[in-house]
């Protein structure tokens, strides 16, 4: 449970790309613009977004291991720890140590199990990545998978047809069975409607928010969604309200970038930040 002090501090545990507005390169400026004090713990240095097909990944596990110990010695504390792309099981142990070094009564853990979309794993992802995310999900106060990732987490097939309301409810419960308290599942289809479905453990209420599908794909939109949602939560919004606002921001950013030819680089967020539209 978070206290009410100002200037919330977050540690973002995610990869850092050299080229592409994804992961830390997208989350840090958004969180900062929303008044959050951001620290970062890179899980890997990635040459560019994986969509290009050719990429290189530098595993930073050793750096993470030493950094967490140094931070603990220096007494660095966070209100929130947010995790994204993870490289190997050792990083789970490091994140667990980072969490345990905090005041557990005043820490929010948000897990975005980045590993796939549209019914398949991302380029370069394997079943080991699924196992890593499944384990990490147990630490989540808020777990934010897309529909594909939710299915991989609970080892069920991704349906090409729409879910029934009961199937959607069952999926949320299955995901919560991994240990997550609250869940937000994006990119779902329920009763023929594109929607984001969720459960807020603080109110013991489920919610379903519909949206109009825009037939285009930009890497990094999930990271932007998470950043907006997390910043709203840290600034006192409810999970449902934060989710709805994040959906609105993503829609506006995608529409603003539709004419962009080089979509593999991700969306441009600079104007939205400078004009205060986040």
Protein backbone atom coordinates (compact mmCIF):
# COMPACT_ATOMS: atom_id res chain seq x y z
CA UNK A 1 0.00 0.00 0.00
CA UNK A 2 1.43 3.38 -1.03
CA UNK A 3 1.72 6.36 1.28
CA UNK A 4 0.69 9.85 0.26
CA UNK A 5 4.07 11.57 0.08
CA UNK A 6 4.94 13.58 -3.00
CA UNK A 7 7.68 12.88 -5.55
CA UNK A 8 7.14 9.15 -5.93
CA UNK A 9 10.25 7.21 -6.82
CA UNK A 10 10.25 4.31 -9.26
CA UNK A 11 12.89 1.84 -10.37
CA UNK A 12 12.26 0.62 -13.92
CA UNK A 13 13.81 -2.78 -14.60
CA UNK A 14 13.74 -3.22 -18.37
CA UNK A 15 15.96 -3.31 -21.43
CA UNK A 16 17.55 -0.23 -22.96
CA UNK A 17 17.52 -0.05 -26.78
CA UNK A 18 20.10 1.76 -28.83
CA UNK A 19 17.56 2.50 -31.57
CA UNK A 20 13.80 2.55 -31.10
CA UNK A 21 11.30 4.20 -28.75
CA UNK A 22 10.62 1.14 -26.61
CA UNK A 23 11.28 -0.11 -23.08
CA UNK A 24 13.36 2.32 -20.97
CA UNK A 25 13.77 4.83 -23.81
CA UNK A 26 9.98 5.25 -23.88
CA UNK A 27 9.15 4.82 -20.19
CA UNK A 28 11.72 7.14 -18.60
CA UNK A 29 10.64 10.35 -20.38
CA UNK A 30 6.93 9.63 -19.84
CA UNK A 31 7.27 8.83 -16.14
CA UNK A 32 9.51 11.86 -15.64
CA UNK A 33 7.01 14.11 -17.43
CA UNK A 34 4.30 12.82 -15.09
CA UNK A 35 6.29 13.92 -12.05
CA UNK A 36 7.82 10.57 -11.09
CA UNK A 37 11.46 10.34 -9.97
CA UNK A 38 12.90 7.59 -12.20
CA UNK A 39 15.82 5.24 -11.60
CA UNK A 40 16.61 2.53 -14.14
CA UNK A 41 18.10 -0.94 -13.91
CA UNK A 42 18.75 -2.20 -17.47
CA UNK A 43 18.28 -5.94 -17.93
CA UNK A 44 19.99 -5.80 -21.31
CA UNK A 45 21.37 -3.38 -23.86
CA UNK A 46 19.58 -4.06 -27.15
CA UNK A 47 20.93 -2.75 -30.43
CA UNK A 48 17.49 -1.91 -31.84
CA UNK A 49 13.86 -3.05 -31.77
CA UNK A 50 13.48 -6.74 -32.55
CA UNK A 51 11.13 -5.97 -35.46
CA UNK A 52 14.09 -5.27 -37.72
CA UNK A 53 14.89 -8.99 -37.60
CA UNK A 54 18.59 -8.46 -36.97
CA UNK A 55 19.69 -7.35 -33.51
CA UNK A 56 22.20 -7.89 -30.75
CA UNK A 57 21.52 -8.18 -27.01
CA UNK A 58 24.10 -7.57 -24.28
CA UNK A 59 23.13 -9.36 -21.06
CA UNK A 60 23.67 -6.98 -18.09
CA UNK A 61 22.97 -9.48 -15.29
CA UNK A 62 26.37 -8.99 -13.63
CA UNK A 63 25.87 -5.22 -13.65
CA UNK A 64 22.39 -5.62 -12.14
CA UNK A 65 23.73 -7.90 -9.41
CA UNK A 66 26.39 -5.42 -8.29
CA UNK A 67 24.12 -2.40 -8.66
CA UNK A 68 21.38 -3.76 -6.40
CA UNK A 69 23.94 -4.40 -3.66
CA UNK A 70 25.39 -0.90 -4.00
CA UNK A 71 21.92 0.66 -3.92
CA UNK A 72 21.14 -1.27 -0.75
CA UNK A 73 24.35 -0.05 0.91
CA UNK A 74 23.51 3.53 -0.08
CA UNK A 75 19.95 3.18 1.24
CA UNK A 76 18.19 3.96 -2.04
CA UNK A 77 14.43 3.39 -1.65
CA UNK A 78 11.58 3.26 -4.15
CA UNK A 79 7.81 3.56 -4.02
CA UNK A 80 7.46 1.34 -7.08
CA UNK A 81 9.44 -1.30 -8.93
CA UNK A 82 8.35 -1.89 -12.51
CA UNK A 83 9.68 -4.80 -14.54
CA UNK A 84 9.64 -5.48 -18.27
CA UNK A 85 11.91 -7.59 -20.49
CA UNK A 86 14.03 -10.09 -18.55
CA UNK A 87 16.92 -12.09 -20.00
CA UNK A 88 17.50 -15.05 -17.69
CA UNK A 89 16.41 -16.67 -14.38
CA UNK A 90 19.27 -15.05 -12.44
CA UNK A 91 17.64 -11.68 -13.03
CA UNK A 92 14.55 -12.89 -11.16
CA UNK A 93 16.70 -13.48 -8.08
CA UNK A 94 18.17 -9.99 -8.42
CA UNK A 95 14.75 -8.37 -8.74
CA UNK A 96 13.53 -10.38 -5.75
CA UNK A 97 16.47 -9.03 -3.74
CA UNK A 98 15.69 -5.50 -4.92
CA UNK A 99 12.09 -5.89 -3.78
CA UNK A 100 13.07 -7.39 -0.43
CA UNK A 101 15.42 -4.44 0.19
CA UNK A 102 12.41 -2.10 0.15
CA UNK A 103 9.75 -1.27 2.74
CA UNK A 104 7.25 -3.98 1.78
CA UNK A 105 4.31 -2.03 3.23
CA UNK A 106 5.02 0.88 0.89
CA UNK A 107 6.18 -0.72 -2.35
CA UNK A 108 4.15 -1.24 -5.50
CA UNK A 109 5.43 -3.98 -7.83
CA UNK A 110 4.22 -3.80 -11.45
CA UNK A 111 5.13 -6.57 -13.89
CA UNK A 112 4.77 -6.28 -17.66
CA UNK A 113 5.66 -9.80 -18.92
CA UNK A 114 7.05 -8.70 -22.26
CA UNK A 115 7.41 -11.72 -24.54
CA UNK A 116 4.82 -11.85 -27.33
CA UNK A 117 1.72 -10.61 -29.14
CA UNK A 118 -0.74 -11.61 -31.85
CA UNK A 119 -0.70 -15.27 -30.75
CA UNK A 120 3.07 -15.84 -30.85
CA UNK A 121 6.29 -15.02 -29.05
CA UNK A 122 8.40 -12.09 -30.19
CA UNK A 123 11.43 -12.67 -32.39
CA UNK A 124 14.17 -14.15 -30.18
CA UNK A 125 11.85 -15.14 -27.30
CA UNK A 126 11.77 -18.77 -26.10
CA UNK A 127 9.96 -20.95 -23.59
CA UNK A 128 12.65 -19.97 -21.08
CA UNK A 129 11.39 -16.39 -21.31
CA UNK A 130 7.88 -17.65 -20.60
CA UNK A 131 9.09 -19.53 -17.52
CA UNK A 132 10.94 -16.41 -16.30
CA UNK A 133 7.84 -14.25 -16.65
CA UNK A 134 5.65 -16.87 -15.02
CA UNK A 135 7.91 -16.84 -11.96
CA UNK A 136 8.15 -13.06 -11.84
CA UNK A 137 4.35 -12.71 -12.00
CA UNK A 138 4.09 -14.04 -8.45
CA UNK A 139 5.61 -10.78 -7.15
CA UNK A 140 3.17 -8.50 -8.96
CA UNK A 141 0.78 -6.15 -7.22
CA UNK A 142 -0.29 -5.31 -10.77
CA UNK A 143 0.37 -7.65 -13.71
CA UNK A 144 -0.06 -6.20 -17.22
CA UNK A 145 0.10 -8.89 -19.93
CA UNK A 146 -1.52 -8.61 -23.32
CA UNK A 147 -3.87 -11.43 -24.30
CA UNK A 148 -1.13 -13.50 -25.95
CA UNK A 149 1.16 -13.16 -22.93
CA UNK A 150 -1.67 -14.04 -20.54
CA UNK A 151 -2.28 -17.25 -22.47
CA UNK A 152 1.41 -18.18 -22.44
CA UNK A 153 1.62 -17.47 -18.71
CA UNK A 154 -1.19 -19.90 -17.88
CA UNK A 155 -0.24 -22.36 -20.65
CA UNK A 156 -3.47 -22.16 -22.64
CA UNK A 157 -4.06 -21.72 -26.36
CA UNK A 158 -4.72 -18.26 -27.77
CA UNK A 159 -8.17 -18.33 -29.34
CA UNK A 160 -8.48 -16.73 -32.75
CA UNK A 161 -12.18 -16.15 -32.09
CA UNK A 162 -13.61 -13.83 -29.45
CA UNK A 163 -13.84 -14.86 -25.80
CA UNK A 164 -17.10 -15.18 -23.95
CA UNK A 165 -17.54 -13.08 -20.81
CA UNK A 166 -17.06 -16.22 -18.72
CA UNK A 167 -13.88 -17.18 -20.57
CA UNK A 168 -12.51 -13.68 -19.97
CA UNK A 169 -13.30 -13.93 -16.26
CA UNK A 170 -11.73 -17.38 -16.11
CA UNK A 171 -8.57 -16.11 -17.81
CA UNK A 172 -8.18 -13.32 -15.25
CA UNK A 173 -8.60 -15.81 -12.41
CA UNK A 174 -6.06 -18.16 -13.98
CA UNK A 175 -3.54 -15.35 -14.30
CA UNK A 176 -4.19 -14.27 -10.71
CA UNK A 177 -3.52 -17.87 -9.75
CA UNK A 178 0.15 -17.21 -10.55
CA UNK A 179 0.23 -14.93 -7.51
CA UNK A 180 -0.54 -11.52 -9.00
CA UNK A 181 -2.92 -9.38 -6.95
CA UNK A 182 -4.40 -7.13 -9.65
CA UNK A 183 -4.42 -7.90 -13.37
CA UNK A 184 -4.85 -5.83 -16.55
CA UNK A 185 -5.01 -7.81 -19.80
CA UNK A 186 -4.74 -5.74 -22.98
CA UNK A 187 -5.54 -6.61 -26.62
CA UNK A 188 -8.40 -8.93 -25.69
CA UNK A 189 -11.61 -9.65 -27.61
CA UNK A 190 -14.70 -10.35 -25.52
CA UNK A 191 -18.16 -10.95 -26.98
CA UNK A 192 -16.95 -9.50 -30.29
CA UNK A 193 -15.56 -6.29 -28.77
CA UNK A 194 -11.92 -5.21 -28.59
CA UNK A 195 -11.22 -4.48 -24.97
CA UNK A 196 -8.93 -4.33 -21.99
CA UNK A 197 -10.08 -6.48 -19.11
CA UNK A 198 -8.95 -6.24 -15.52
CA UNK A 199 -9.37 -6.96 -11.86
CA UNK A 200 -8.52 -4.55 -9.03
CA UNK A 201 -7.76 -6.38 -5.79
CA UNK A 202 -8.07 -3.15 -3.76
CA UNK A 203 -11.78 -2.92 -4.63
CA UNK A 204 -12.39 -6.60 -5.46
CA UNK A 205 -13.97 -5.48 -8.75
CA UNK A 206 -13.48 -6.52 -12.37
CA UNK A 207 -13.74 -4.13 -15.30
CA UNK A 208 -13.95 -4.23 -19.09
CA UNK A 209 -13.06 -1.22 -21.24
CA UNK A 210 -13.75 -1.32 -24.99
CA UNK A 211 -11.79 0.42 -27.73
CA UNK A 212 -11.77 0.81 -31.51
CA UNK A 213 -9.02 -1.27 -33.11
CA UNK A 214 -6.55 0.71 -35.22
CA UNK A 215 -5.04 -1.70 -37.75
CA UNK A 216 -1.37 -0.78 -37.38
CA UNK A 217 1.49 -2.04 -35.23
CA UNK A 218 4.15 0.04 -33.51
CA UNK A 219 6.69 -1.52 -31.12
CA UNK A 220 6.77 0.08 -27.67
CA UNK A 221 3.09 0.96 -27.29
CA UNK A 222 2.82 -1.56 -24.44
CA UNK A 223 5.70 0.18 -22.62
CA UNK A 224 3.99 3.55 -23.08
CA UNK A 225 0.70 2.08 -21.83
CA UNK A 226 2.47 0.75 -18.72
CA UNK A 227 4.26 4.04 -18.07
CA UNK A 228 1.05 6.09 -18.22
CA UNK A 229 -0.85 3.57 -16.09
CA UNK A 230 1.89 3.36 -13.45
CA UNK A 231 2.33 7.12 -13.20
CA UNK A 232 -1.43 7.57 -12.73
CA UNK A 233 -1.50 4.91 -10.00
CA UNK A 234 1.43 6.56 -8.22
CA UNK A 235 -0.37 9.89 -8.51
CA UNK A 236 -3.45 8.48 -6.77
CA UNK A 237 -5.75 7.22 -9.54
CA UNK A 238 -7.67 3.95 -9.35
CA UNK A 239 -6.53 1.03 -11.50
CA UNK A 240 -9.58 1.27 -13.77
CA UNK A 241 -9.23 5.05 -14.23
CA UNK A 242 -5.49 4.69 -14.90
CA UNK A 243 -6.16 1.94 -17.44
CA UNK A 244 -8.79 4.02 -19.23
CA UNK A 245 -6.46 7.02 -19.40
CA UNK A 246 -3.57 4.90 -20.70
CA UNK A 247 -5.86 3.54 -23.43
CA UNK A 248 -6.82 7.09 -24.43
CA UNK A 249 -3.19 8.22 -24.61
CA UNK A 250 -2.16 5.21 -26.71
CA UNK A 251 -5.02 5.82 -29.14
CA UNK A 252 -4.08 9.47 -29.60
CA UNK A 253 -0.39 8.71 -30.05
CA UNK A 254 -1.05 5.97 -32.61
CA UNK A 255 -3.41 8.19 -34.61
CA UNK A 256 -0.81 10.94 -34.57
CA UNK A 257 1.83 8.52 -35.93
CA UNK A 258 -0.23 6.72 -38.58
CA UNK A 259 1.55 8.40 -41.46
CA UNK A 260 4.99 7.55 -40.09
CA UNK A 261 6.73 5.29 -42.60
CA UNK A 262 9.45 3.81 -40.36
CA UNK A 263 7.16 2.08 -37.89
CA UNK A 264 9.83 -0.31 -36.57
CA UNK A 265 11.38 2.65 -34.72
CA UNK A 266 8.25 3.05 -32.57
CA UNK A 267 6.02 6.08 -32.08
CA UNK A 268 7.16 9.66 -31.55
CA UNK A 269 6.20 10.79 -28.04
CA UNK A 270 8.14 14.03 -27.77
CA UNK A 271 5.30 16.32 -28.88
CA UNK A 272 2.84 14.69 -26.51
CA UNK A 273 5.23 15.23 -23.65
CA UNK A 274 6.10 18.83 -24.54
CA UNK A 275 2.42 19.74 -25.01
CA UNK A 276 1.38 18.06 -21.76
CA UNK A 277 -0.96 15.57 -23.44
CA UNK A 278 0.06 12.64 -21.24
